[in-house]
Amino acid sequence: MVSLTFTENSTKTSVEPWFIPCDIFMLICNILTITLTILFLILIILDKTYRTVPMVLVGNSCLTILCFACTMLGATSSTIEKDLKQIQYQDPLCIFFGYLMYATPTVQNYSILLQAIYRYLLIVHPTLRYVKRMNRVVTAISTLSRAQRELKMVRRTVILISILVTLFIPYQLFAIMSFFNFTIKYDFRIAFLFGDTGMLCVVIALFKFTDPLKTSLMKRINKWTNTTVAPLS
């Protein structure tokens, strides 16, 4: 049970034992997500060789995730402050964060959808045409190699969308339920927990599946390592 005691401008409330650990976990997820997305955006901006359409789409996704993560960081910071003080009160900033928490995930999902559509038009549709001609034309080694790369990209897209669907279902479900005034206890806390975890997983998946981004990062790490080790030698 949650006991309430009214004060001047706030409401004194008891806090469940799992509130603070979950708040800290979400805070860590938000900070890691913001750090990684800023790093990826810097790499994309600085490396001129990777200014291609796929990398622009990845950068667009990183930017939308960054906006979502900053929104969640602000909301989580406010939540953990109230949990530590064991109070509740109407905060205009939280209301603004609430609006952004509906808007930014939508933009993020559209950015991932845009990547999927682009890859379909670039890969899946031409591949279907190649399959139709396989009985008439001898398949060359280059064609097989291209088909393997295309299937690899399709698999990565499916995995990324699966992560989004699996981890963001509770967030989207509770958001839809709130429009009909049908909610469960601690629904937003559960939704935010899945949302923050999902954001971090999507960023890691984007890095894992974007080879140019990995190459650029490793190149700069190796360059920095060699520069650091050289004077010591």
Protein backbone atom coordinates (compact mmCIF):
# COMPACT_ATOMS: atom_id res chain seq x y z
CA MET A 1 0.00 0.00 0.00
CA VAL A 2 1.09 3.56 -0.65
CA SER A 3 0.46 5.92 2.23
CA LEU A 4 -0.02 9.60 1.41
CA THR A 5 0.49 12.65 3.62
CA PHE A 6 -0.25 16.06 2.11
CA THR A 7 2.19 18.91 2.68
CA GLU A 8 2.25 22.47 1.32
CA ASN A 9 3.09 21.88 -2.35
CA SER A 10 3.85 18.16 -2.52
CA THR A 11 2.55 14.77 -1.48
CA LYS A 12 4.55 12.56 0.85
CA THR A 13 4.55 8.98 -0.40
CA SER A 14 6.18 5.69 0.51
CA VAL A 15 8.60 4.20 -2.01
CA GLU A 16 8.75 0.55 -3.01
CA PRO A 17 12.15 -1.15 -2.41
CA TRP A 18 12.72 -1.74 -6.13
CA PHE A 19 12.14 1.87 -7.19
CA ILE A 20 15.64 3.22 -6.52
CA PRO A 21 17.57 0.28 -8.12
CA CYS A 22 15.39 0.54 -11.24
CA ASP A 23 15.87 4.33 -11.33
CA ILE A 24 19.65 3.90 -11.15
CA PHE A 25 19.60 1.22 -13.87
CA MET A 26 17.53 3.46 -16.17
CA LEU A 27 19.84 6.39 -15.45
CA ILE A 28 22.87 4.30 -16.46
CA CYS A 29 21.12 3.14 -19.65
CA ASN A 30 20.28 6.74 -20.57
CA ILE A 31 23.82 8.00 -19.96
CA LEU A 32 25.35 5.13 -21.98
CA THR A 33 22.89 5.67 -24.82
CA ILE A 34 23.58 9.41 -24.97
CA THR A 35 27.35 8.85 -24.86
CA LEU A 36 27.32 6.24 -27.62
CA THR A 37 24.98 8.14 -29.94
CA ILE A 38 27.05 11.34 -29.61
CA LEU A 39 30.20 9.31 -30.35
CA PHE A 40 28.61 7.73 -33.43
CA LEU A 41 27.36 11.08 -34.72
CA ILE A 42 30.83 12.60 -34.31
CA LEU A 43 32.36 9.70 -36.26
CA ILE A 44 29.83 10.07 -39.07
CA ILE A 45 30.37 13.83 -39.28
CA LEU A 46 34.18 13.71 -39.15
CA ASP A 47 34.73 10.83 -41.58
CA LYS A 48 33.94 12.20 -45.05
CA THR A 49 34.31 8.80 -46.73
CA TYR A 50 31.21 7.53 -44.92
CA ARG A 51 28.85 10.29 -46.04
CA THR A 52 26.64 7.92 -47.98
CA VAL A 53 22.90 7.39 -47.93
CA PRO A 54 23.03 4.35 -45.56
CA MET A 55 25.29 6.23 -43.14
CA VAL A 56 23.05 9.31 -43.29
CA LEU A 57 20.11 7.07 -42.35
CA VAL A 58 22.12 5.57 -39.49
CA GLY A 59 23.04 9.07 -38.36
CA ASN A 60 19.38 10.06 -38.52
CA SER A 61 18.49 7.09 -36.31
CA CYS A 62 21.26 8.00 -33.86
CA LEU A 63 19.95 11.57 -33.68
CA THR A 64 16.38 10.47 -32.96
CA ILE A 65 17.61 8.00 -30.32
CA LEU A 66 19.69 10.80 -28.79
CA CYS A 67 16.58 12.98 -28.50
CA PHE A 68 14.64 10.13 -26.92
CA ALA A 69 17.50 9.35 -24.51
CA CYS A 70 17.82 13.00 -23.42
CA THR A 71 14.08 13.08 -22.77
CA MET A 72 14.23 9.88 -20.73
CA LEU A 73 17.28 11.15 -18.84
CA GLY A 74 15.39 14.26 -17.78
CA ALA A 75 12.34 12.23 -16.74
CA THR A 76 14.43 9.63 -14.90
CA SER A 77 16.45 12.32 -13.08
CA SER A 78 13.22 13.92 -11.88
CA THR A 79 11.82 10.53 -10.85
CA ILE A 80 14.88 9.48 -8.86
CA GLU A 81 14.92 12.85 -7.07
CA LYS A 82 11.30 12.41 -6.01
CA ASP A 83 11.87 8.80 -5.00
CA LEU A 84 14.83 9.74 -2.82
CA LYS A 85 12.80 12.50 -1.14
CA GLN A 86 9.69 10.27 -1.10
CA ILE A 87 7.47 13.01 -2.48
CA GLN A 88 5.12 13.58 -5.39
CA TYR A 89 4.06 16.90 -6.89
CA GLN A 90 2.84 18.42 -10.13
CA ASP A 91 5.91 19.41 -12.14
CA PRO A 92 5.38 21.35 -15.42
CA LEU A 93 8.71 20.05 -16.68
CA CYS A 94 7.54 16.45 -16.17
CA ILE A 95 4.41 17.23 -18.18
CA PHE A 96 6.63 18.50 -21.01
CA PHE A 97 8.79 15.36 -20.74
CA GLY A 98 5.61 13.31 -20.89
CA TYR A 99 4.73 14.85 -24.26
CA LEU A 100 8.24 14.25 -25.58
CA MET A 101 8.14 10.63 -24.40
CA TYR A 102 5.24 10.07 -26.79
CA ALA A 103 6.73 12.09 -29.67
CA THR A 104 10.41 11.06 -29.72
CA PRO A 105 9.85 7.25 -29.78
CA THR A 106 7.52 7.75 -32.75
CA VAL A 107 10.20 9.67 -34.65
CA GLN A 108 12.75 7.02 -33.69
CA ASN A 109 10.54 4.22 -35.00
CA TYR A 110 10.01 6.09 -38.28
CA SER A 111 13.77 6.47 -38.68
CA ILE A 112 14.25 2.71 -38.30
CA LEU A 113 11.35 2.13 -40.71
CA LEU A 114 13.06 4.43 -43.20
CA GLN A 115 16.21 2.29 -43.01
CA ALA A 116 14.15 -0.85 -43.58
CA ILE A 117 12.39 0.66 -46.62
CA TYR A 118 15.68 1.85 -48.09
CA ARG A 119 17.29 -1.56 -47.66
CA TYR A 120 14.25 -3.25 -49.20
CA LEU A 121 14.39 -1.01 -52.27
CA LEU A 122 18.16 -1.41 -52.52
CA ILE A 123 18.49 -5.11 -51.77
CA VAL A 124 15.37 -7.25 -51.53
CA HIS A 125 13.64 -5.97 -54.65
CA PRO A 126 16.69 -6.41 -56.96
CA THR A 127 17.36 -9.80 -55.37
CA LEU A 128 13.87 -11.00 -56.38
CA ARG A 129 14.66 -10.03 -59.95
CA TYR A 130 17.93 -12.02 -59.78
CA VAL A 131 16.06 -15.08 -58.49
CA LYS A 132 13.64 -14.95 -61.42
CA ARG A 133 16.53 -14.96 -63.88
CA MET A 134 18.51 -17.75 -62.20
CA ASN A 135 17.07 -20.43 -64.47
CA ARG A 136 18.19 -18.55 -67.58
CA VAL A 137 21.55 -17.11 -66.63
CA VAL A 138 24.58 -18.81 -65.13
CA THR A 139 25.19 -17.29 -61.72
CA ALA A 140 28.58 -15.62 -61.51
CA ILE A 141 30.77 -15.50 -58.42
CA SER A 142 30.17 -11.76 -58.10
CA THR A 143 26.42 -12.34 -58.11
CA LEU A 144 26.70 -14.93 -55.36
CA SER A 145 28.88 -12.63 -53.32
CA ARG A 146 26.41 -9.80 -53.75
CA ALA A 147 23.53 -12.05 -52.79
CA GLN A 148 25.37 -13.08 -49.61
CA ARG A 149 25.93 -9.45 -48.65
CA GLU A 150 22.29 -8.67 -49.34
CA LEU A 151 21.04 -11.56 -47.21
CA LYS A 152 23.39 -10.46 -44.43
CA MET A 153 21.92 -6.95 -44.48
CA VAL A 154 18.38 -8.33 -44.54
CA ARG A 155 19.16 -10.50 -41.52
CA ARG A 156 20.56 -7.50 -39.66
CA THR A 157 17.47 -5.43 -40.45
CA VAL A 158 15.18 -8.20 -39.21
CA ILE A 159 17.19 -8.53 -35.98
CA LEU A 160 17.07 -4.77 -35.38
CA ILE A 161 13.31 -4.63 -35.92
CA SER A 162 12.85 -7.70 -33.68
CA ILE A 163 14.71 -5.90 -30.88
CA LEU A 164 12.48 -2.87 -31.31
CA VAL A 165 9.27 -4.90 -31.34
CA THR A 166 10.24 -7.12 -28.39
CA LEU A 167 11.58 -4.47 -26.00
CA PHE A 168 9.23 -1.62 -26.89
CA ILE A 169 5.96 -3.60 -26.77
CA PRO A 170 5.36 -2.82 -23.05
CA TYR A 171 6.20 0.86 -23.61
CA GLN A 172 3.84 1.18 -26.57
CA LEU A 173 1.14 -0.95 -24.92
CA PHE A 174 1.03 1.12 -21.72
CA ALA A 175 1.12 4.32 -23.76
CA ILE A 176 -1.95 3.20 -25.75
CA MET A 177 -3.72 2.03 -22.59
CA SER A 178 -3.24 5.44 -21.00
CA PHE A 179 -5.39 7.03 -23.72
CA PHE A 180 -8.33 4.88 -22.57
CA ASN A 181 -7.76 5.52 -18.84
CA PHE A 182 -7.02 1.83 -18.38
CA THR A 183 -3.77 1.40 -16.53
CA ILE A 184 -2.10 -0.99 -14.12
CA LYS A 185 -0.06 -0.20 -11.04
CA TYR A 186 3.39 1.23 -11.84
CA ASP A 187 2.67 0.99 -15.57
CA PHE A 188 4.88 3.91 -16.54
CA ARG A 189 7.80 2.68 -14.45
CA ILE A 190 7.64 -0.69 -16.19
CA ALA A 191 7.26 0.97 -19.60
CA PHE A 192 10.23 3.28 -18.99
CA LEU A 193 12.36 0.37 -17.84
CA PHE A 194 11.74 -1.49 -21.10
CA GLY A 195 12.08 1.71 -23.14
CA ASP A 196 15.48 2.62 -21.68
CA THR A 197 16.77 -0.93 -22.07
CA GLY A 198 15.47 -1.06 -25.63
CA MET A 199 17.19 2.20 -26.56
CA LEU A 200 20.58 0.95 -25.40
CA CYS A 201 20.12 -2.38 -27.20
CA VAL A 202 19.17 -0.60 -30.44
CA VAL A 203 22.28 1.62 -30.27
CA ILE A 204 24.52 -1.40 -29.67
CA ALA A 205 22.83 -3.26 -32.55
CA LEU A 206 23.28 -0.27 -34.87
CA PHE A 207 26.99 -0.21 -34.06
CA LYS A 208 27.29 -3.98 -34.42
CA PHE A 209 25.54 -4.05 -37.79
CA THR A 210 27.10 -0.90 -39.30
CA ASP A 211 30.50 -2.02 -40.56
CA PRO A 212 31.72 1.45 -41.68
CA LEU A 213 31.01 2.78 -38.19
CA LYS A 214 32.98 -0.03 -36.57
CA THR A 215 35.83 0.45 -39.03
CA SER A 216 35.99 4.20 -38.40
CA LEU A 217 35.98 3.75 -34.62
CA MET A 218 38.64 1.04 -34.63
CA LYS A 219 40.80 3.09 -37.00
CA ARG A 220 40.71 6.07 -34.65
CA ILE A 221 41.34 3.90 -31.59
CA ASN A 222 44.36 2.30 -33.25
CA LYS A 223 45.65 5.70 -34.34
CA TRP A 224 45.28 7.05 -30.81
CA THR A 225 46.96 3.95 -29.37
CA ASN A 226 49.91 4.21 -31.75
CA THR A 227 50.29 7.92 -31.00
CA THR A 228 50.28 7.22 -27.27
CA VAL A 229 52.68 4.28 -27.40
CA ALA A 230 55.20 5.91 -29.80
CA PRO A 231 56.67 8.41 -27.28
CA LEU A 232 57.05 5.65 -24.69
CA SER A 233 59.07 3.59 -27.16
